[in-house]
Structure formats: C-alpha cells, structure tokens
Amino acid sequence: MSKTISWNLQMSVREGRLDDAKELMDEMVEATSKEPGAHGYEWFLSEDGNTCHLNERYADSDALMAHLVIFGSQFAERFLACFEPASFSVYGEPGSEARAVLDGFGAAYLGWLGGFKR
C-alpha cells in the first residue's frame, strides 16, 4: 500500500476572475514545484473557461501538510476569491492534522483499494 496522497478538486471560476485565476495558478505552480514532496500538480480548464480541475499528488501526509501550510499562508485568500470549490475527492490516508485542513474544503476521502502505479 502506498503512502501517497492525491486529490482532484473540481471548481468553478468566479465570474470575471479568469485572468486573476491564471496569474495565481502560475504563482502556485512555481511555489509547489519547489516542494520536495510534491509529485504532481496539474491544472485543467474547460473550453469555456468556467470550470477548473486541479490534480495534486504528494509523497505522504507530511509532504501534503507542508504544502497546505504554504497554501494557507500565501494563496488561500486569493484562491477562494477566484474559485468556488464544487467537488473535492482525496485519495489515500492523510494524517489527522491534514484532514482537519482538508475538511474545511469539504473533502470526501477514498481509501486505497488496489491497483498499481508506475
């Protein structure tokens, strides 16, 4: 069983905030790319620019928590001004401290059942 934690956050782009959202995304990608436990960080946007999905993968709960601390201190306020979270699925077993933060975003948790990754 893997200690990896990942998620898919589906959200709406707030009206008139697409340019701000893209600028914020660039900053967040830059910051997250420097985090040693961040294994994947991908943003996707619908053709009409109204829906955004964010897929993230972290080595373990400690790496996830380190990311959440940076997110909270540097990006959370602007993030919520640009996006309205709609669905948040978390995969794996985050620790209680990480869960307490993720719960604030309405996370639904899915534990590992089987499979593989390369």
N, C-alpha and C. Protein backbone atom coordinates (compact mmCIF):
# COMPACT_ATOMS: atom_id res chain seq x y z
N MET A 1 0.84 -1.19 0.00
CA MET A 1 0.00 0.00 0.00
C MET A 1 0.88 1.24 0.00
N SER A 2 0.50 2.21 -0.78
CA SER A 2 1.25 3.45 -0.95
C SER A 2 0.90 4.46 0.15
N LYS A 3 1.90 5.28 0.50
CA LYS A 3 1.66 6.39 1.43
C LYS A 3 1.28 7.66 0.67
N THR A 4 1.26 7.57 -0.65
CA THR A 4 0.95 8.73 -1.49
C THR A 4 -0.45 9.25 -1.20
N ILE A 5 -0.58 10.56 -1.20
CA ILE A 5 -1.88 11.21 -1.05
C ILE A 5 -2.09 12.05 -2.31
N SER A 6 -3.27 11.95 -2.89
CA SER A 6 -3.58 12.78 -4.06
C SER A 6 -5.01 13.26 -3.95
N TRP A 7 -5.34 14.19 -4.84
CA TRP A 7 -6.72 14.65 -4.87
C TRP A 7 -7.08 15.23 -6.21
N ASN A 8 -8.38 15.35 -6.40
CA ASN A 8 -8.96 16.04 -7.54
C ASN A 8 -9.94 17.05 -6.98
N LEU A 9 -9.64 18.32 -7.22
CA LEU A 9 -10.51 19.41 -6.77
C LEU A 9 -11.18 19.99 -8.01
N GLN A 10 -12.49 19.93 -8.04
CA GLN A 10 -13.26 20.50 -9.14
C GLN A 10 -13.88 21.79 -8.65
N MET A 11 -13.75 22.85 -9.48
CA MET A 11 -14.24 24.15 -9.04
C MET A 11 -14.70 24.98 -10.21
N SER A 12 -15.50 25.97 -9.89
CA SER A 12 -15.95 26.95 -10.87
C SER A 12 -15.05 28.17 -10.76
N VAL A 13 -14.80 28.78 -11.90
CA VAL A 13 -14.06 30.04 -11.91
C VAL A 13 -15.08 31.14 -11.66
N ARG A 14 -14.83 31.96 -10.69
CA ARG A 14 -15.76 33.04 -10.37
C ARG A 14 -15.82 34.02 -11.55
N GLU A 15 -17.02 34.55 -11.76
CA GLU A 15 -17.25 35.46 -12.90
C GLU A 15 -16.25 36.62 -12.89
N GLY A 16 -15.63 36.84 -14.03
CA GLY A 16 -14.69 37.94 -14.19
C GLY A 16 -13.32 37.71 -13.57
N ARG A 17 -13.06 36.49 -13.09
CA ARG A 17 -11.80 36.24 -12.37
C ARG A 17 -10.84 35.32 -13.12
N LEU A 18 -11.12 34.99 -14.38
CA LEU A 18 -10.28 34.04 -15.10
C LEU A 18 -8.84 34.53 -15.23
N ASP A 19 -8.63 35.78 -15.57
CA ASP A 19 -7.26 36.30 -15.70
C ASP A 19 -6.53 36.26 -14.36
N ASP A 20 -7.23 36.63 -13.29
CA ASP A 20 -6.64 36.56 -11.94
C ASP A 20 -6.31 35.11 -11.59
N ALA A 21 -7.21 34.19 -11.95
CA ALA A 21 -7.01 32.78 -11.66
C ALA A 21 -5.77 32.24 -12.37
N LYS A 22 -5.59 32.63 -13.62
CA LYS A 22 -4.42 32.16 -14.37
C LYS A 22 -3.13 32.71 -13.77
N GLU A 23 -3.13 33.96 -13.37
CA GLU A 23 -1.95 34.55 -12.73
C GLU A 23 -1.64 33.84 -11.41
N LEU A 24 -2.67 33.59 -10.61
CA LEU A 24 -2.50 32.89 -9.35
C LEU A 24 -1.97 31.48 -9.59
N MET A 25 -2.54 30.79 -10.60
CA MET A 25 -2.09 29.44 -10.91
C MET A 25 -0.60 29.42 -11.21
N ASP A 26 -0.12 30.37 -12.00
CA ASP A 26 1.31 30.44 -12.31
C ASP A 26 2.15 30.55 -11.04
N GLU A 27 1.73 31.39 -10.11
CA GLU A 27 2.44 31.55 -8.85
C GLU A 27 2.42 30.25 -8.04
N MET A 28 1.25 29.60 -8.00
CA MET A 28 1.11 28.38 -7.22
C MET A 28 1.92 27.23 -7.82
N VAL A 29 1.95 27.14 -9.15
CA VAL A 29 2.75 26.11 -9.81
C VAL A 29 4.23 26.33 -9.48
N GLU A 30 4.68 27.56 -9.59
CA GLU A 30 6.08 27.88 -9.28
C GLU A 30 6.43 27.48 -7.85
N ALA A 31 5.61 27.86 -6.90
CA ALA A 31 5.88 27.55 -5.49
C ALA A 31 5.84 26.05 -5.22
N THR A 32 4.83 25.38 -5.75
CA THR A 32 4.67 23.95 -5.48
C THR A 32 5.77 23.13 -6.15
N SER A 33 6.27 23.59 -7.29
CA SER A 33 7.33 22.85 -7.98
C SER A 33 8.60 22.77 -7.15
N LYS A 34 8.75 23.64 -6.16
CA LYS A 34 9.93 23.66 -5.30
C LYS A 34 9.75 22.81 -4.04
N GLU A 35 8.56 22.28 -3.82
CA GLU A 35 8.31 21.46 -2.64
C GLU A 35 8.83 20.04 -2.91
N PRO A 36 9.74 19.53 -2.08
CA PRO A 36 10.35 18.22 -2.36
C PRO A 36 9.36 17.05 -2.37
N GLY A 37 8.28 17.13 -1.64
CA GLY A 37 7.33 16.02 -1.59
C GLY A 37 6.19 16.12 -2.58
N ALA A 38 6.20 17.15 -3.40
CA ALA A 38 5.14 17.32 -4.42
C ALA A 38 5.51 16.49 -5.64
N HIS A 39 4.71 15.48 -5.95
CA HIS A 39 4.99 14.58 -7.07
C HIS A 39 4.21 14.93 -8.32
N GLY A 40 3.13 15.66 -8.19
CA GLY A 40 2.33 16.04 -9.35
C GLY A 40 1.43 17.21 -9.00
N TYR A 41 1.26 18.12 -9.97
CA TYR A 41 0.47 19.32 -9.72
C TYR A 41 -0.01 19.82 -11.06
N GLU A 42 -1.23 19.46 -11.45
CA GLU A 42 -1.74 19.75 -12.78
C GLU A 42 -3.10 20.43 -12.72
N TRP A 43 -3.22 21.50 -13.51
CA TRP A 43 -4.45 22.27 -13.62
C TRP A 43 -5.07 22.02 -14.99
N PHE A 44 -6.39 21.95 -15.03
CA PHE A 44 -7.13 21.76 -16.28
C PHE A 44 -8.29 22.75 -16.32
N LEU A 45 -8.55 23.31 -17.51
CA LEU A 45 -9.59 24.33 -17.67
C LEU A 45 -10.52 23.93 -18.81
N SER A 46 -11.82 24.06 -18.60
CA SER A 46 -12.79 23.77 -19.65
C SER A 46 -12.65 24.78 -20.78
N GLU A 47 -13.14 24.40 -21.95
CA GLU A 47 -13.04 25.28 -23.13
C GLU A 47 -13.69 26.64 -22.91
N ASP A 48 -14.77 26.66 -22.13
CA ASP A 48 -15.46 27.94 -21.91
C ASP A 48 -14.84 28.77 -20.78
N GLY A 49 -13.83 28.21 -20.11
CA GLY A 49 -13.14 28.95 -19.05
C GLY A 49 -13.91 29.04 -17.75
N ASN A 50 -14.96 28.25 -17.59
CA ASN A 50 -15.79 28.33 -16.39
C ASN A 50 -15.51 27.26 -15.34
N THR A 51 -14.89 26.16 -15.75
CA THR A 51 -14.66 25.03 -14.85
C THR A 51 -13.18 24.69 -14.83
N CYS A 52 -12.65 24.49 -13.65
CA CYS A 52 -11.24 24.16 -13.48
C CYS A 52 -11.12 22.93 -12.59
N HIS A 53 -10.23 22.02 -12.96
CA HIS A 53 -9.91 20.86 -12.12
C HIS A 53 -8.44 20.96 -11.74
N LEU A 54 -8.14 20.59 -10.52
CA LEU A 54 -6.78 20.61 -10.01
C LEU A 54 -6.46 19.22 -9.46
N ASN A 55 -5.46 18.58 -10.07
CA ASN A 55 -5.00 17.27 -9.61
C ASN A 55 -3.65 17.44 -8.93
N GLU A 56 -3.55 16.95 -7.70
CA GLU A 56 -2.31 17.07 -6.94
C GLU A 56 -1.93 15.71 -6.36
N ARG A 57 -0.61 15.47 -6.25
CA ARG A 57 -0.11 14.23 -5.67
C ARG A 57 1.11 14.55 -4.80
N TYR A 58 1.10 13.99 -3.57
CA TYR A 58 2.17 14.21 -2.61
C TYR A 58 2.72 12.88 -2.10
N ALA A 59 3.99 12.90 -1.73
CA ALA A 59 4.69 11.68 -1.31
C ALA A 59 4.02 11.01 -0.11
N ASP A 60 3.56 11.83 0.82
CA ASP A 60 2.96 11.31 2.04
C ASP A 60 2.23 12.44 2.76
N SER A 61 1.68 12.13 3.90
CA SER A 61 0.90 13.13 4.64
C SER A 61 1.76 14.30 5.12
N ASP A 62 3.02 14.04 5.44
CA ASP A 62 3.91 15.13 5.86
C ASP A 62 4.14 16.12 4.72
N ALA A 63 4.37 15.59 3.51
CA ALA A 63 4.56 16.46 2.34
C ALA A 63 3.29 17.24 2.04
N LEU A 64 2.16 16.59 2.18
CA LEU A 64 0.87 17.25 1.98
C LEU A 64 0.69 18.38 2.98
N MET A 65 1.01 18.11 4.24
CA MET A 65 0.84 19.14 5.26
C MET A 65 1.77 20.32 5.00
N ALA A 66 2.99 20.06 4.56
CA ALA A 66 3.91 21.16 4.23
C ALA A 66 3.31 22.02 3.12
N HIS A 67 2.68 21.39 2.13
CA HIS A 67 2.04 22.14 1.06
C HIS A 67 0.88 22.98 1.59
N LEU A 68 0.08 22.39 2.45
CA LEU A 68 -1.09 23.10 2.98
C LEU A 68 -0.69 24.32 3.80
N VAL A 69 0.43 24.25 4.50
CA VAL A 69 0.90 25.40 5.27
C VAL A 69 1.26 26.55 4.32
N ILE A 70 1.96 26.23 3.24
CA ILE A 70 2.32 27.25 2.26
C ILE A 70 1.06 27.80 1.58
N PHE A 71 0.16 26.90 1.20
CA PHE A 71 -1.09 27.34 0.56
C PHE A 71 -1.84 28.29 1.48
N GLY A 72 -1.99 27.91 2.73
CA GLY A 72 -2.75 28.74 3.68
C GLY A 72 -2.14 30.11 3.89
N SER A 73 -0.83 30.17 3.97
CA SER A 73 -0.18 31.45 4.26
C SER A 73 -0.01 32.34 3.03
N GLN A 74 0.09 31.76 1.85
CA GLN A 74 0.41 32.55 0.66
C GLN A 74 -0.71 32.66 -0.36
N PHE A 75 -1.62 31.68 -0.41
CA PHE A 75 -2.53 31.62 -1.55
C PHE A 75 -4.02 31.48 -1.24
N ALA A 76 -4.39 31.00 -0.09
CA ALA A 76 -5.78 30.62 0.18
C ALA A 76 -6.78 31.75 -0.07
N GLU A 77 -6.47 32.93 0.40
CA GLU A 77 -7.42 34.04 0.26
C GLU A 77 -7.67 34.36 -1.21
N ARG A 78 -6.62 34.48 -1.98
CA ARG A 78 -6.77 34.79 -3.41
C ARG A 78 -7.39 33.62 -4.16
N PHE A 79 -7.05 32.40 -3.76
CA PHE A 79 -7.61 31.21 -4.39
C PHE A 79 -9.14 31.21 -4.27
N LEU A 80 -9.63 31.44 -3.08
CA LEU A 80 -11.07 31.42 -2.85
C LEU A 80 -11.77 32.62 -3.48
N ALA A 81 -11.03 33.70 -3.75
CA ALA A 81 -11.60 34.83 -4.47
C ALA A 81 -11.77 34.53 -5.96
N CYS A 82 -10.97 33.59 -6.47
CA CYS A 82 -11.01 33.23 -7.89
C CYS A 82 -11.86 32.00 -8.18
N PHE A 83 -11.94 31.09 -7.22
CA PHE A 83 -12.58 29.80 -7.46
C PHE A 83 -13.66 29.48 -6.43
N GLU A 84 -14.69 28.78 -6.88
CA GLU A 84 -15.74 28.25 -6.00
C GLU A 84 -15.62 26.73 -6.04
N PRO A 85 -15.08 26.08 -4.97
CA PRO A 85 -14.96 24.63 -4.97
C PRO A 85 -16.33 23.97 -5.12
N ALA A 86 -16.37 22.91 -5.93
CA ALA A 86 -17.62 22.19 -6.18
C ALA A 86 -17.55 20.75 -5.69
N SER A 87 -16.42 20.10 -5.88
CA SER A 87 -16.24 18.70 -5.50
C SER A 87 -14.78 18.49 -5.17
N PHE A 88 -14.51 17.76 -4.09
CA PHE A 88 -13.13 17.57 -3.64
C PHE A 88 -12.95 16.14 -3.17
N SER A 89 -12.29 15.33 -4.00
CA SER A 89 -12.04 13.92 -3.68
C SER A 89 -10.57 13.75 -3.32
N VAL A 90 -10.32 13.20 -2.12
CA VAL A 90 -8.96 12.97 -1.63
C VAL A 90 -8.73 11.47 -1.62
N TYR A 91 -7.59 11.06 -2.20
CA TYR A 91 -7.25 9.64 -2.33
C TYR A 91 -6.05 9.32 -1.46
N GLY A 92 -6.20 8.31 -0.62
CA GLY A 92 -5.12 7.90 0.28
C GLY A 92 -5.52 8.16 1.72
N GLU A 93 -4.52 8.16 2.58
CA GLU A 93 -4.77 8.26 4.03
C GLU A 93 -4.02 9.45 4.63
N PRO A 94 -4.54 10.66 4.49
CA PRO A 94 -3.87 11.80 5.12
C PRO A 94 -3.97 11.70 6.64
N GLY A 95 -2.98 12.25 7.32
CA GLY A 95 -2.99 12.27 8.78
C GLY A 95 -4.08 13.18 9.32
N SER A 96 -4.29 13.11 10.62
CA SER A 96 -5.38 13.88 11.24
C SER A 96 -5.19 15.38 11.08
N GLU A 97 -3.95 15.87 11.15
CA GLU A 97 -3.71 17.30 11.00
C GLU A 97 -4.08 17.76 9.59
N ALA A 98 -3.67 16.99 8.58
CA ALA A 98 -4.01 17.32 7.20
C ALA A 98 -5.51 17.21 6.97
N ARG A 99 -6.13 16.17 7.53
CA ARG A 99 -7.58 16.02 7.37
C ARG A 99 -8.34 17.20 7.95
N ALA A 100 -7.88 17.73 9.05
CA ALA A 100 -8.55 18.87 9.66
C ALA A 100 -8.56 20.06 8.70
N VAL A 101 -7.47 20.25 7.95
CA VAL A 101 -7.42 21.34 6.98
C VAL A 101 -8.31 21.00 5.78
N LEU A 102 -8.17 19.80 5.25
CA LEU A 102 -8.92 19.39 4.06
C LEU A 102 -10.43 19.37 4.32
N ASP A 103 -10.82 19.05 5.53
CA ASP A 103 -12.25 19.05 5.87
C ASP A 103 -12.88 20.42 5.64
N GLY A 104 -12.10 21.47 5.84
CA GLY A 104 -12.58 22.83 5.63
C GLY A 104 -12.95 23.12 4.19
N PHE A 105 -12.46 22.30 3.27
CA PHE A 105 -12.78 22.45 1.85
C PHE A 105 -13.81 21.41 1.40
N GLY A 106 -14.42 20.70 2.35
CA GLY A 106 -15.46 19.73 2.02
C GLY A 106 -14.93 18.44 1.42
N ALA A 107 -13.76 18.00 1.83
CA ALA A 107 -13.13 16.81 1.26
C ALA A 107 -13.95 15.55 1.51
N ALA A 108 -14.01 14.71 0.47
CA ALA A 108 -14.54 13.34 0.58
C ALA A 108 -13.33 12.42 0.45
N TYR A 109 -13.16 11.48 1.38
CA TYR A 109 -11.97 10.65 1.44
C TYR A 109 -12.24 9.27 0.86
N LEU A 110 -11.31 8.82 0.04
CA LEU A 110 -11.38 7.49 -0.55
C LEU A 110 -10.08 6.77 -0.23
N GLY A 111 -10.19 5.66 0.52
CA GLY A 111 -9.01 4.89 0.88
C GLY A 111 -8.60 3.96 -0.25
N TRP A 112 -7.36 3.55 -0.20
CA TRP A 112 -6.77 2.70 -1.22
C TRP A 112 -7.45 1.33 -1.23
N LEU A 113 -7.79 0.85 -2.40
CA LEU A 113 -8.42 -0.46 -2.54
C LEU A 113 -7.51 -1.42 -3.28
N GLY A 114 -6.84 -1.00 -4.33
CA GLY A 114 -5.95 -1.86 -5.08
C GLY A 114 -5.46 -1.18 -6.33
N GLY A 115 -4.54 -1.83 -7.02
CA GLY A 115 -4.03 -1.31 -8.26
C GLY A 115 -2.53 -1.12 -8.21
N PHE A 116 -2.00 -0.34 -9.16
CA PHE A 116 -0.58 -0.06 -9.21
C PHE A 116 -0.35 1.29 -9.87
N LYS A 117 0.87 1.79 -9.72
CA LYS A 117 1.28 3.00 -10.44
C LYS A 117 2.71 2.76 -10.91
N ARG A 118 3.10 3.44 -11.95
CA ARG A 118 4.47 3.30 -12.49
C ARG A 118 5.22 4.59 -12.34
